[in-house]
Amino acid sequence: MSIDETFRQIEDVFREIFEDDDLVITTQTTARDIEEWDSLMNIQLVTAIEKKFKIRFTLGEIQNFKNVGDLQDCVIKRLG
């Protein structure tokens, strides 16, 4: 799977979780950029992304996500 395709699928998960078909994210997007992105939404996002890509993150990986790019890098590494 290409980097672009991985990103599109991650963006689709964000749109589904935040119930906003027009939501646009970048690799630099953080929780501060999306008003509704709180700790509960973060859990839902991580769970949905794990399900979408059929992977499991470690707690350490999750704690190190600073932005969407870090999340994407981890997904790509897991799909490796």
PDB file of N, CA and C in Angstrom:
ATOM      1  N   MET A   1       0.850  -1.180   0.000  1.00  0.00           N
ATOM      2  CA  MET A   1       0.000   0.000   0.000  1.00  0.00           C
ATOM      3  C   MET A   1       0.893   1.240   0.000  1.00  0.00           C
ATOM      4  N   SER A   2       0.566   2.196  -0.856  1.00  0.00           N
ATOM      5  CA  SER A   2       1.375   3.405  -0.966  1.00  0.00           C
ATOM      6  C   SER A   2       1.162   4.321   0.236  1.00  0.00           C
ATOM      7  N   ILE A   3       2.092   5.243   0.399  1.00  0.00           N
ATOM      8  CA  ILE A   3       1.988   6.227   1.478  1.00  0.00           C
ATOM      9  C   ILE A   3       0.727   7.067   1.293  1.00  0.00           C
ATOM     10  N   ASP A   4       0.448   7.469   0.056  1.00  0.00           N
ATOM     11  CA  ASP A   4      -0.742   8.280  -0.216  1.00  0.00           C
ATOM     12  C   ASP A   4      -2.027   7.520   0.095  1.00  0.00           C
ATOM     13  N   GLU A   5      -2.076   6.244  -0.276  1.00  0.00           N
ATOM     14  CA  GLU A   5      -3.265   5.438  -0.008  1.00  0.00           C
ATOM     15  C   GLU A   5      -3.454   5.242   1.494  1.00  0.00           C
ATOM     16  N   THR A   6      -2.361   5.023   2.198  1.00  0.00           N
ATOM     17  CA  THR A   6      -2.433   4.891   3.662  1.00  0.00           C
ATOM     18  C   THR A   6      -3.009   6.166   4.264  1.00  0.00           C
ATOM     19  N   PHE A   7      -2.509   7.319   3.799  1.00  0.00           N
ATOM     20  CA  PHE A   7      -3.000   8.594   4.324  1.00  0.00           C
ATOM     21  C   PHE A   7      -4.482   8.775   4.023  1.00  0.00           C
ATOM     22  N   ARG A   8      -4.903   8.446   2.809  1.00  0.00           N
ATOM     23  CA  ARG A   8      -6.328   8.588   2.449  1.00  0.00           C
ATOM     24  C   ARG A   8      -7.205   7.731   3.359  1.00  0.00           C
ATOM     25  N   GLN A   9      -6.754   6.539   3.645  1.00  0.00           N
ATOM     26  CA  GLN A   9      -7.542   5.667   4.520  1.00  0.00           C
ATOM     27  C   GLN A   9      -7.583   6.194   5.953  1.00  0.00           C
ATOM     28  N   ILE A  10      -6.474   6.749   6.415  1.00  0.00           N
ATOM     29  CA  ILE A  10      -6.461   7.368   7.748  1.00  0.00           C
ATOM     30  C   ILE A  10      -7.421   8.557   7.769  1.00  0.00           C
ATOM     31  N   GLU A  11      -7.389   9.378   6.729  1.00  0.00           N
ATOM     32  CA  GLU A  11      -8.288  10.532   6.648  1.00  0.00           C
ATOM     33  C   GLU A  11      -9.747  10.073   6.636  1.00  0.00           C
ATOM     34  N   ASP A  12     -10.035   8.979   5.956  1.00  0.00           N
ATOM     35  CA  ASP A  12     -11.394   8.431   5.957  1.00  0.00           C
ATOM     36  C   ASP A  12     -11.834   8.047   7.371  1.00  0.00           C
ATOM     37  N   VAL A  13     -10.927   7.462   8.135  1.00  0.00           N
ATOM     38  CA  VAL A  13     -11.248   7.102   9.528  1.00  0.00           C
ATOM     39  C   VAL A  13     -11.539   8.365  10.329  1.00  0.00           C
ATOM     40  N   PHE A  14     -10.733   9.391  10.179  1.00  0.00           N
ATOM     41  CA  PHE A  14     -10.967  10.656  10.876  1.00  0.00           C
ATOM     42  C   PHE A  14     -12.349  11.208  10.524  1.00  0.00           C
ATOM     43  N   ARG A  15     -12.678  11.197   9.243  1.00  0.00           N
ATOM     44  CA  ARG A  15     -13.979  11.724   8.812  1.00  0.00           C
ATOM     45  C   ARG A  15     -15.123  10.925   9.411  1.00  0.00           C
ATOM     46  N   GLU A  16     -14.948   9.615   9.490  1.00  0.00           N
ATOM     47  CA  GLU A  16     -15.984   8.767  10.077  1.00  0.00           C
ATOM     48  C   GLU A  16     -16.125   9.014  11.583  1.00  0.00           C
ATOM     49  N   ILE A  17     -15.016   9.048  12.293  1.00  0.00           N
ATOM     50  CA  ILE A  17     -15.055   9.225  13.746  1.00  0.00           C
ATOM     51  C   ILE A  17     -15.604  10.601  14.116  1.00  0.00           C
ATOM     52  N   PHE A  18     -15.181  11.627  13.392  1.00  0.00           N
ATOM     53  CA  PHE A  18     -15.637  12.985  13.695  1.00  0.00           C
ATOM     54  C   PHE A  18     -16.936  13.345  12.976  1.00  0.00           C
ATOM     55  N   GLU A  19     -17.478  12.391  12.206  1.00  0.00           N
ATOM     56  CA  GLU A  19     -18.738  12.584  11.484  1.00  0.00           C
ATOM     57  C   GLU A  19     -18.723  13.873  10.671  1.00  0.00           C
ATOM     58  N   ASP A  20     -17.640  14.035   9.893  1.00  0.00           N
ATOM     59  CA  ASP A  20     -17.459  15.236   9.080  1.00  0.00           C
ATOM     60  C   ASP A  20     -16.815  14.832   7.750  1.00  0.00           C
ATOM     61  N   ASP A  21     -17.631  14.702   6.719  1.00  0.00           N
ATOM     62  CA  ASP A  21     -17.141  14.278   5.406  1.00  0.00           C
ATOM     63  C   ASP A  21     -16.208  15.290   4.757  1.00  0.00           C
ATOM     64  N   ASP A  22     -16.201  16.515   5.258  1.00  0.00           N
ATOM     65  CA  ASP A  22     -15.368  17.565   4.683  1.00  0.00           C
ATOM     66  C   ASP A  22     -14.080  17.798   5.470  1.00  0.00           C
ATOM     67  N   LEU A  23     -13.851  17.022   6.519  1.00  0.00           N
ATOM     68  CA  LEU A  23     -12.665  17.194   7.350  1.00  0.00           C
ATOM     69  C   LEU A  23     -11.410  16.935   6.527  1.00  0.00           C
ATOM     70  N   VAL A  24     -10.483  17.878   6.595  1.00  0.00           N
ATOM     71  CA  VAL A  24      -9.208  17.738   5.895  1.00  0.00           C
ATOM     72  C   VAL A  24      -8.108  17.733   6.945  1.00  0.00           C
ATOM     73  N   ILE A  25      -7.264  16.699   6.895  1.00  0.00           N
ATOM     74  CA  ILE A  25      -6.137  16.619   7.821  1.00  0.00           C
ATOM     75  C   ILE A  25      -4.850  16.623   7.004  1.00  0.00           C
ATOM     76  N   THR A  26      -3.752  16.901   7.671  1.00  0.00           N
ATOM     77  CA  THR A  26      -2.416  16.810   7.077  1.00  0.00           C
ATOM     78  C   THR A  26      -1.564  15.977   8.017  1.00  0.00           C
ATOM     79  N   THR A  27      -0.350  15.702   7.614  1.00  0.00           N
ATOM     80  CA  THR A  27       0.548  14.953   8.496  1.00  0.00           C
ATOM     81  C   THR A  27       0.902  15.765   9.743  1.00  0.00           C
ATOM     82  N   GLN A  28       0.719  17.077   9.679  1.00  0.00           N
ATOM     83  CA  GLN A  28       1.031  17.945  10.823  1.00  0.00           C
ATOM     84  C   GLN A  28      -0.165  18.176  11.761  1.00  0.00           C
ATOM     85  N   THR A  29      -1.342  17.651  11.410  1.00  0.00           N
ATOM     86  CA  THR A  29      -2.546  17.851  12.217  1.00  0.00           C
ATOM     87  C   THR A  29      -2.361  17.222  13.598  1.00  0.00           C
ATOM     88  N   THR A  30      -2.770  17.979  14.627  1.00  0.00           N
ATOM     89  CA  THR A  30      -2.730  17.495  16.007  1.00  0.00           C
ATOM     90  C   THR A  30      -4.115  17.662  16.630  1.00  0.00           C
ATOM     91  N   ALA A  31      -4.265  17.156  17.828  1.00  0.00           N
ATOM     92  CA  ALA A  31      -5.534  17.277  18.542  1.00  0.00           C
ATOM     93  C   ALA A  31      -5.914  18.743  18.754  1.00  0.00           C
ATOM     94  N   ARG A  32      -4.954  19.611  18.820  1.00  0.00           N
ATOM     95  CA  ARG A  32      -5.247  21.045  18.990  1.00  0.00           C
ATOM     96  C   ARG A  32      -5.928  21.652  17.768  1.00  0.00           C
ATOM     97  N   ASP A  33      -5.781  20.990  16.625  1.00  0.00           N
ATOM     98  CA  ASP A  33      -6.345  21.512  15.376  1.00  0.00           C
ATOM     99  C   ASP A  33      -7.809  21.134  15.166  1.00  0.00           C
ATOM    100  N   ILE A  34      -8.283  20.139  15.907  1.00  0.00           N
ATOM    101  CA  ILE A  34      -9.660  19.669  15.755  1.00  0.00           C
ATOM    102  C   ILE A  34     -10.339  19.775  17.116  1.00  0.00           C
ATOM    103  N   GLU A  35     -11.287  20.686  17.209  1.00  0.00           N
ATOM    104  CA  GLU A  35     -11.915  21.018  18.486  1.00  0.00           C
ATOM    105  C   GLU A  35     -12.473  19.794  19.218  1.00  0.00           C
ATOM    106  N   GLU A  36     -13.077  18.871  18.488  1.00  0.00           N
ATOM    107  CA  GLU A  36     -13.726  17.716  19.110  1.00  0.00           C
ATOM    108  C   GLU A  36     -12.749  16.610  19.507  1.00  0.00           C
ATOM    109  N   TRP A  37     -11.481  16.760  19.169  1.00  0.00           N
ATOM    110  CA  TRP A  37     -10.490  15.704  19.400  1.00  0.00           C
ATOM    111  C   TRP A  37     -10.017  15.752  20.850  1.00  0.00           C
ATOM    112  N   ASP A  38     -10.726  15.007  21.687  1.00  0.00           N
ATOM    113  CA  ASP A  38     -10.347  14.898  23.091  1.00  0.00           C
ATOM    114  C   ASP A  38      -9.830  13.486  23.360  1.00  0.00           C
ATOM    115  N   SER A  39      -9.611  13.148  24.627  1.00  0.00           N
ATOM    116  CA  SER A  39      -9.031  11.843  24.951  1.00  0.00           C
ATOM    117  C   SER A  39      -9.945  10.691  24.547  1.00  0.00           C
ATOM    118  N   LEU A  40     -11.245  10.856  24.674  1.00  0.00           N
ATOM    119  CA  LEU A  40     -12.176   9.803  24.264  1.00  0.00           C
ATOM    120  C   LEU A  40     -12.136   9.610  22.752  1.00  0.00           C
ATOM    121  N   MET A  41     -12.107  10.700  22.007  1.00  0.00           N
ATOM    122  CA  MET A  41     -12.030  10.611  20.549  1.00  0.00           C
ATOM    123  C   MET A  41     -10.699   9.992  20.129  1.00  0.00           C
ATOM    124  N   ASN A  42      -9.648  10.259  20.890  1.00  0.00           N
ATOM    125  CA  ASN A  42      -8.350   9.684  20.573  1.00  0.00           C
ATOM    126  C   ASN A  42      -8.401   8.160  20.670  1.00  0.00           C
ATOM    127  N   ILE A  43      -9.053   7.656  21.699  1.00  0.00           N
ATOM    128  CA  ILE A  43      -9.205   6.209  21.863  1.00  0.00           C
ATOM    129  C   ILE A  43     -10.009   5.640  20.695  1.00  0.00           C
ATOM    130  N   GLN A  44     -11.076   6.323  20.323  1.00  0.00           N
ATOM    131  CA  GLN A  44     -11.895   5.858  19.206  1.00  0.00           C
ATOM    132  C   GLN A  44     -11.106   5.861  17.894  1.00  0.00           C
ATOM    133  N   LEU A  45     -10.305   6.894  17.682  1.00  0.00           N
ATOM    134  CA  LEU A  45      -9.478   6.977  16.478  1.00  0.00           C
ATOM    135  C   LEU A  45      -8.475   5.827  16.413  1.00  0.00           C
ATOM    136  N   VAL A  46      -7.754   5.630  17.505  1.00  0.00           N
ATOM    137  CA  VAL A  46      -6.741   4.576  17.534  1.00  0.00           C
ATOM    138  C   VAL A  46      -7.384   3.212  17.302  1.00  0.00           C
ATOM    139  N   THR A  47      -8.496   2.965  17.956  1.00  0.00           N
ATOM    140  CA  THR A  47      -9.192   1.687  17.803  1.00  0.00           C
ATOM    141  C   THR A  47      -9.675   1.498  16.371  1.00  0.00           C
ATOM    142  N   ALA A  48     -10.245   2.541  15.778  1.00  0.00           N
ATOM    143  CA  ALA A  48     -10.748   2.453  14.405  1.00  0.00           C
ATOM    144  C   ALA A  48      -9.613   2.245  13.404  1.00  0.00           C
ATOM    145  N   ILE A  49      -8.489   2.898  13.631  1.00  0.00           N
ATOM    146  CA  ILE A  49      -7.344   2.735  12.726  1.00  0.00           C
ATOM    147  C   ILE A  49      -6.760   1.333  12.862  1.00  0.00           C
ATOM    148  N   GLU A  50      -6.674   0.831  14.082  1.00  0.00           N
ATOM    149  CA  GLU A  50      -6.205  -0.541  14.278  1.00  0.00           C
ATOM    150  C   GLU A  50      -7.115  -1.529  13.540  1.00  0.00           C
ATOM    151  N   LYS A  51      -8.405  -1.315  13.649  1.00  0.00           N
ATOM    152  CA  LYS A  51      -9.364  -2.201  12.989  1.00  0.00           C
ATOM    153  C   LYS A  51      -9.248  -2.094  11.464  1.00  0.00           C
ATOM    154  N   LYS A  52      -9.158  -0.862  10.960  1.00  0.00           N
ATOM    155  CA  LYS A  52      -9.082  -0.623   9.513  1.00  0.00           C
ATOM    156  C   LYS A  52      -7.882  -1.321   8.886  1.00  0.00           C
ATOM    157  N   PHE A  53      -6.733  -1.229   9.558  1.00  0.00           N
ATOM    158  CA  PHE A  53      -5.501  -1.771   9.005  1.00  0.00           C
ATOM    159  C   PHE A  53      -5.142  -3.156   9.568  1.00  0.00           C
ATOM    160  N   LYS A  54      -5.992  -3.654  10.470  1.00  0.00           N
ATOM    161  CA  LYS A  54      -5.767  -4.974  11.088  1.00  0.00           C
ATOM    162  C   LYS A  54      -4.391  -5.051  11.754  1.00  0.00           C
ATOM    163  N   ILE A  55      -4.119  -4.037  12.585  1.00  0.00           N
ATOM    164  CA  ILE A  55      -2.862  -3.960  13.332  1.00  0.00           C
ATOM    165  C   ILE A  55      -3.174  -3.642  14.787  1.00  0.00           C
ATOM    166  N   ARG A  56      -2.171  -3.729  15.637  1.00  0.00           N
ATOM    167  CA  ARG A  56      -2.309  -3.319  17.041  1.00  0.00           C
ATOM    168  C   ARG A  56      -1.104  -2.459  17.396  1.00  0.00           C
ATOM    169  N   PHE A  57      -1.371  -1.299  17.985  1.00  0.00           N
ATOM    170  CA  PHE A  57      -0.307  -0.428  18.461  1.00  0.00           C
ATOM    171  C   PHE A  57       0.042  -0.804  19.892  1.00  0.00           C
ATOM    172  N   THR A  58       1.283  -0.564  20.266  1.00  0.00           N
ATOM    173  CA  THR A  58       1.655  -0.704  21.672  1.00  0.00           C
ATOM    174  C   THR A  58       1.321   0.605  22.378  1.00  0.00           C
ATOM    175  N   LEU A  59       1.243   0.550  23.685  1.00  0.00           N
ATOM    176  CA  LEU A  59       0.984   1.768  24.461  1.00  0.00           C
ATOM    177  C   LEU A  59       2.080   2.795  24.208  1.00  0.00           C
ATOM    178  N   GLY A  60       3.312   2.344  24.129  1.00  0.00           N
ATOM    179  CA  GLY A  60       4.430   3.249  23.873  1.00  0.00           C
ATOM    180  C   GLY A  60       4.300   3.957  22.538  1.00  0.00           C
ATOM    181  N   GLU A  61       3.871   3.227  21.525  1.00  0.00           N
ATOM    182  CA  GLU A  61       3.680   3.845  20.209  1.00  0.00           C
ATOM    183  C   GLU A  61       2.607   4.923  20.284  1.00  0.00           C
ATOM    184  N   ILE A  62       1.498   4.597  20.909  1.00  0.00           N
ATOM    185  CA  ILE A  62       0.387   5.550  21.016  1.00  0.00           C
ATOM    186  C   ILE A  62       0.833   6.811  21.757  1.00  0.00           C
ATOM    187  N   GLN A  63       1.581   6.639  22.819  1.00  0.00           N
ATOM    188  CA  GLN A  63       2.044   7.786  23.606  1.00  0.00           C
ATOM    189  C   GLN A  63       2.999   8.679  22.819  1.00  0.00           C
ATOM    190  N   ASN A  64       3.660   8.122  21.812  1.00  0.00           N
ATOM    191  CA  ASN A  64       4.622   8.892  21.020  1.00  0.00           C
ATOM    192  C   ASN A  64       4.017   9.588  19.813  1.00  0.00           C
ATOM    193  N   PHE A  65       2.718   9.380  19.551  1.00  0.00           N
ATOM    194  CA  PHE A  65       2.081  10.072  18.440  1.00  0.00           C
ATOM    195  C   PHE A  65       1.944  11.549  18.780  1.00  0.00           C
ATOM    196  N   LYS A  66       2.663  12.401  18.045  1.00  0.00           N
ATOM    197  CA  LYS A  66       2.564  13.849  18.255  1.00  0.00           C
ATOM    198  C   LYS A  66       1.632  14.500  17.234  1.00  0.00           C
ATOM    199  N   ASN A  67       1.455  13.805  16.098  1.00  0.00           N
ATOM    200  CA  ASN A  67       0.601  14.335  15.034  1.00  0.00           C
ATOM    201  C   ASN A  67       0.173  13.182  14.124  1.00  0.00           C
ATOM    202  N   VAL A  68      -0.617  13.493  13.128  1.00  0.00           N
ATOM    203  CA  VAL A  68      -1.116  12.467  12.218  1.00  0.00           C
ATOM    204  C   VAL A  68       0.041  11.796  11.470  1.00  0.00           C
ATOM    205  N   GLY A  69       1.081  12.534  11.174  1.00  0.00           N
ATOM    206  CA  GLY A  69       2.237  11.968  10.485  1.00  0.00           C
ATOM    207  C   GLY A  69       2.895  10.854  11.291  1.00  0.00           C
ATOM    208  N   ASP A  70       3.016  11.051  12.601  1.00  0.00           N
ATOM    209  CA  ASP A  70       3.581  10.005  13.458  1.00  0.00           C
ATOM    210  C   ASP A  70       2.695   8.764  13.434  1.00  0.00           C
ATOM    211  N   LEU A  71       1.407   8.981  13.476  1.00  0.00           N
ATOM    212  CA  LEU A  71       0.448   7.879  13.403  1.00  0.00           C
ATOM    213  C   LEU A  71       0.599   7.141  12.073  1.00  0.00           C
ATOM    214  N   GLN A  72       0.659   7.885  10.984  1.00  0.00           N
ATOM    215  CA  GLN A  72       0.805   7.289   9.656  1.00  0.00           C
ATOM    216  C   GLN A  72       2.112   6.502   9.562  1.00  0.00           C
ATOM    217  N   ASP A  73       3.197   7.062  10.052  1.00  0.00           N
ATOM    218  CA  ASP A  73       4.490   6.365  10.011  1.00  0.00           C
ATOM    219  C   ASP A  73       4.418   5.032  10.747  1.00  0.00           C
ATOM    220  N   CYS A  74       3.732   5.015  11.861  1.00  0.00           N
ATOM    221  CA  CYS A  74       3.607   3.804  12.644  1.00  0.00           C
ATOM    222  C   CYS A  74       2.754   2.764  11.893  1.00  0.00           C
ATOM    223  N   VAL A  75       1.691   3.210  11.267  1.00  0.00           N
ATOM    224  CA  VAL A  75       0.850   2.307  10.479  1.00  0.00           C
ATOM    225  C   VAL A  75       1.690   1.687   9.368  1.00  0.00           C
ATOM    226  N   ILE A  76       2.440   2.495   8.661  1.00  0.00           N
ATOM    227  CA  ILE A  76       3.266   2.003   7.553  1.00  0.00           C
ATOM    228  C   ILE A  76       4.299   1.010   8.061  1.00  0.00           C
ATOM    229  N   LYS A  77       4.922   1.320   9.191  1.00  0.00           N
ATOM    230  CA  LYS A  77       5.909   0.413   9.785  1.00  0.00           C
ATOM    231  C   LYS A  77       5.259  -0.918  10.154  1.00  0.00           C
ATOM    232  N   ARG A  78       4.053  -0.855  10.728  1.00  0.00           N
ATOM    233  CA  ARG A  78       3.334  -2.077  11.127  1.00  0.00           C
ATOM    234  C   ARG A  78       2.934  -2.916   9.931  1.00  0.00           C
ATOM    235  N   LEU A  79       2.587  -2.257   8.831  1.00  0.00           N
ATOM    236  CA  LEU A  79       2.175  -2.973   7.626  1.00  0.00           C
ATOM    237  C   LEU A  79       3.370  -3.571   6.899  1.00  0.00           C
ATOM    238  N   GLY A  80       4.564  -2.979   7.193  1.00  0.00           N
ATOM    239  CA  GLY A  80       5.839  -3.310   6.642  1.00  0.00           C
ATOM    240  C   GLY A  80       5.955  -4.471   5.816  1.00  0.00           C
TER     241      GLY A  80
END
